[in-house]
Amino acid sequence: MQRLTWFGIASLVFTVLLDIIFHDPHHAINWWHRLPGFDALFGFSGCIAIIVGSKWLGKHLLQRHEKYYEKGE
């Protein structure tokens, strides 16, 4: 597990460094695309939102209590 964590951190650092080094603000259409690392941060926050939202949906709307089917007896 520790190797996987270090690999994830190294991948993240490498990706951010590549984005900072090869960032080209001249082809940006909107002002937020001129910020280095914006797309990586936006994608990461979107993934976190999907994970948190699906956990909430599963816990509050989809799961049943343990004795759900025993109520009718």
N, C-alpha and C. Protein backbone atom coordinates (compact mmCIF):
# COMPACT_ATOMS: atom_id res chain seq x y z
N MET A 1 0.82 -1.20 0.00
CA MET A 1 0.00 0.00 0.00
C MET A 1 0.86 1.26 0.00
N GLN A 2 1.99 1.19 0.66
CA GLN A 2 2.84 2.36 0.73
C GLN A 2 3.43 2.70 -0.63
N ARG A 3 3.76 1.67 -1.42
CA ARG A 3 4.29 1.92 -2.77
C ARG A 3 3.24 2.60 -3.64
N LEU A 4 2.00 2.18 -3.50
CA LEU A 4 0.93 2.77 -4.30
C LEU A 4 0.73 4.24 -3.91
N THR A 5 0.82 4.56 -2.64
CA THR A 5 0.68 5.94 -2.19
C THR A 5 1.81 6.80 -2.74
N TRP A 6 3.03 6.32 -2.66
CA TRP A 6 4.16 7.09 -3.18
C TRP A 6 4.09 7.23 -4.69
N PHE A 7 3.61 6.20 -5.37
CA PHE A 7 3.44 6.29 -6.81
C PHE A 7 2.39 7.34 -7.17
N GLY A 8 1.31 7.40 -6.42
CA GLY A 8 0.27 8.40 -6.65
C GLY A 8 0.77 9.81 -6.42
N ILE A 9 1.53 10.01 -5.35
CA ILE A 9 2.09 11.33 -5.06
C ILE A 9 3.08 11.74 -6.14
N ALA A 10 3.94 10.80 -6.56
CA ALA A 10 4.92 11.10 -7.60
C ALA A 10 4.23 11.43 -8.93
N SER A 11 3.16 10.72 -9.25
CA SER A 11 2.41 10.99 -10.48
C SER A 11 1.77 12.37 -10.43
N LEU A 12 1.23 12.73 -9.29
CA LEU A 12 0.59 14.04 -9.14
C LEU A 12 1.62 15.16 -9.29
N VAL A 13 2.75 15.02 -8.63
CA VAL A 13 3.80 16.03 -8.73
C VAL A 13 4.31 16.14 -10.16
N PHE A 14 4.53 15.00 -10.81
CA PHE A 14 5.01 14.99 -12.19
C PHE A 14 4.01 15.68 -13.13
N THR A 15 2.72 15.41 -12.94
CA THR A 15 1.69 16.01 -13.77
C THR A 15 1.63 17.51 -13.57
N VAL A 16 1.70 17.97 -12.33
CA VAL A 16 1.66 19.41 -12.06
C VAL A 16 2.91 20.09 -12.63
N LEU A 17 4.07 19.47 -12.49
CA LEU A 17 5.28 20.05 -13.07
C LEU A 17 5.19 20.14 -14.59
N LEU A 18 4.68 19.11 -15.24
CA LEU A 18 4.52 19.17 -16.68
C LEU A 18 3.54 20.26 -17.09
N ASP A 19 2.49 20.44 -16.31
CA ASP A 19 1.52 21.49 -16.62
C ASP A 19 2.13 22.87 -16.45
N ILE A 20 2.97 23.04 -15.45
CA ILE A 20 3.62 24.34 -15.24
C ILE A 20 4.67 24.60 -16.32
N ILE A 21 5.44 23.59 -16.69
CA ILE A 21 6.51 23.78 -17.67
C ILE A 21 5.95 24.02 -19.07
N PHE A 22 4.98 23.23 -19.49
CA PHE A 22 4.46 23.32 -20.85
C PHE A 22 3.15 24.09 -20.95
N HIS A 23 2.87 24.93 -19.99
CA HIS A 23 1.63 25.71 -19.99
C HIS A 23 1.75 26.82 -21.03
N ASP A 24 0.74 26.92 -21.90
CA ASP A 24 0.74 27.93 -22.96
C ASP A 24 -0.49 28.81 -22.79
N PRO A 25 -0.34 29.96 -22.14
CA PRO A 25 -1.51 30.82 -21.88
C PRO A 25 -2.01 31.56 -23.11
N HIS A 26 -1.27 31.53 -24.21
CA HIS A 26 -1.68 32.29 -25.39
C HIS A 26 -2.84 31.64 -26.14
N HIS A 27 -3.06 30.36 -25.95
CA HIS A 27 -4.15 29.68 -26.64
C HIS A 27 -5.38 29.51 -25.75
N ALA A 28 -5.38 30.18 -24.61
CA ALA A 28 -6.52 30.06 -23.69
C ALA A 28 -7.66 30.95 -24.18
N ILE A 29 -8.85 30.40 -24.13
CA ILE A 29 -10.04 31.16 -24.53
C ILE A 29 -10.56 31.98 -23.35
N ASN A 30 -10.65 31.35 -22.17
CA ASN A 30 -11.16 32.02 -20.98
C ASN A 30 -10.00 32.34 -20.04
N TRP A 31 -10.23 33.27 -19.12
CA TRP A 31 -9.15 33.71 -18.24
C TRP A 31 -8.69 32.61 -17.29
N TRP A 32 -9.58 31.70 -16.90
CA TRP A 32 -9.19 30.66 -15.95
C TRP A 32 -8.30 29.59 -16.59
N HIS A 33 -8.31 29.50 -17.89
CA HIS A 33 -7.41 28.56 -18.55
C HIS A 33 -5.99 29.09 -18.65
N ARG A 34 -5.78 30.35 -18.32
CA ARG A 34 -4.43 30.91 -18.27
C ARG A 34 -3.72 30.55 -16.97
N LEU A 35 -4.45 30.12 -15.97
CA LEU A 35 -3.85 29.75 -14.69
C LEU A 35 -3.20 28.38 -14.79
N PRO A 36 -1.92 28.26 -14.44
CA PRO A 36 -1.29 26.94 -14.51
C PRO A 36 -1.85 26.01 -13.45
N GLY A 37 -2.19 24.80 -13.84
CA GLY A 37 -2.71 23.82 -12.92
C GLY A 37 -4.21 23.87 -12.74
N PHE A 38 -4.90 24.79 -13.41
CA PHE A 38 -6.35 24.91 -13.21
C PHE A 38 -7.08 23.65 -13.67
N ASP A 39 -6.73 23.14 -14.84
CA ASP A 39 -7.44 21.97 -15.38
C ASP A 39 -7.23 20.75 -14.49
N ALA A 40 -6.01 20.57 -13.97
CA ALA A 40 -5.75 19.45 -13.07
C ALA A 40 -6.56 19.59 -11.78
N LEU A 41 -6.59 20.79 -11.22
CA LEU A 41 -7.34 21.03 -9.99
C LEU A 41 -8.84 20.87 -10.22
N PHE A 42 -9.32 21.35 -11.36
CA PHE A 42 -10.74 21.22 -11.68
C PHE A 42 -11.13 19.76 -11.86
N GLY A 43 -10.29 19.00 -12.55
CA GLY A 43 -10.57 17.58 -12.73
C GLY A 43 -10.53 16.81 -11.42
N PHE A 44 -9.55 17.11 -10.57
CA PHE A 44 -9.44 16.44 -9.27
C PHE A 44 -10.64 16.76 -8.39
N SER A 45 -11.04 18.02 -8.35
CA SER A 45 -12.20 18.38 -7.52
C SER A 45 -13.48 17.77 -8.07
N GLY A 46 -13.58 17.62 -9.40
CA GLY A 46 -14.74 16.96 -9.98
C GLY A 46 -14.80 15.49 -9.59
N CYS A 47 -13.65 14.82 -9.59
CA CYS A 47 -13.61 13.41 -9.17
C CYS A 47 -14.00 13.26 -7.70
N ILE A 48 -13.50 14.15 -6.87
CA ILE A 48 -13.85 14.11 -5.44
C ILE A 48 -15.35 14.34 -5.26
N ALA A 49 -15.92 15.28 -6.03
CA ALA A 49 -17.35 15.54 -5.93
C ALA A 49 -18.17 14.33 -6.36
N ILE A 50 -17.74 13.64 -7.41
CA ILE A 50 -18.45 12.44 -7.85
C ILE A 50 -18.39 11.35 -6.79
N ILE A 51 -17.23 11.16 -6.16
CA ILE A 51 -17.08 10.13 -5.13
C ILE A 51 -17.95 10.46 -3.92
N VAL A 52 -17.88 11.70 -3.44
CA VAL A 52 -18.66 12.09 -2.26
C VAL A 52 -20.17 12.02 -2.58
N GLY A 53 -20.55 12.49 -3.75
CA GLY A 53 -21.97 12.45 -4.14
C GLY A 53 -22.50 11.04 -4.27
N SER A 54 -21.72 10.15 -4.84
CA SER A 54 -22.20 8.77 -4.98
C SER A 54 -22.25 8.05 -3.65
N LYS A 55 -21.32 8.35 -2.75
CA LYS A 55 -21.38 7.75 -1.40
C LYS A 55 -22.63 8.24 -0.66
N TRP A 56 -22.92 9.53 -0.78
CA TRP A 56 -24.11 10.07 -0.12
C TRP A 56 -25.37 9.45 -0.72
N LEU A 57 -25.42 9.36 -2.03
CA LEU A 57 -26.58 8.77 -2.70
C LEU A 57 -26.77 7.33 -2.29
N GLY A 58 -25.70 6.56 -2.24
CA GLY A 58 -25.81 5.17 -1.84
C GLY A 58 -26.23 5.00 -0.41
N LYS A 59 -25.73 5.84 0.46
CA LYS A 59 -26.03 5.69 1.89
C LYS A 59 -27.45 6.15 2.22
N HIS A 60 -27.89 7.25 1.64
CA HIS A 60 -29.17 7.83 2.05
C HIS A 60 -30.35 7.44 1.18
N LEU A 61 -30.11 7.08 -0.07
CA LEU A 61 -31.25 6.81 -0.93
C LEU A 61 -31.34 5.36 -1.42
N LEU A 62 -30.23 4.65 -1.50
CA LEU A 62 -30.25 3.33 -2.11
C LEU A 62 -30.19 2.18 -1.12
N GLN A 63 -29.49 2.35 -0.02
CA GLN A 63 -29.36 1.26 0.95
C GLN A 63 -30.61 1.14 1.81
N ARG A 64 -30.88 -0.09 2.21
CA ARG A 64 -31.99 -0.36 3.11
C ARG A 64 -31.43 -0.77 4.47
N HIS A 65 -32.27 -0.69 5.48
CA HIS A 65 -31.85 -1.14 6.81
C HIS A 65 -31.63 -2.65 6.78
N GLU A 66 -30.93 -3.15 7.77
CA GLU A 66 -30.62 -4.58 7.82
C GLU A 66 -31.88 -5.43 7.92
N LYS A 67 -32.87 -4.96 8.64
CA LYS A 67 -34.09 -5.74 8.86
C LYS A 67 -35.25 -5.19 8.01
N TYR A 68 -34.94 -4.69 6.84
CA TYR A 68 -35.95 -4.10 5.96
C TYR A 68 -37.02 -5.12 5.54
N TYR A 69 -36.57 -6.32 5.20
CA TYR A 69 -37.50 -7.33 4.71
C TYR A 69 -38.22 -8.06 5.83
N GLU A 70 -37.82 -7.88 7.07
CA GLU A 70 -38.46 -8.56 8.20
C GLU A 70 -39.60 -7.76 8.78
N LYS A 71 -39.84 -6.56 8.32
CA LYS A 71 -40.89 -5.70 8.88
C LYS A 71 -42.28 -6.27 8.61
N GLY A 72 -42.50 -6.87 7.47
CA GLY A 72 -43.83 -7.34 7.10
C GLY A 72 -44.26 -8.60 7.80
N GLU A 73 -43.39 -9.27 8.47
CA GLU A 73 -43.73 -10.57 9.09
C GLU A 73 -44.34 -10.40 10.44
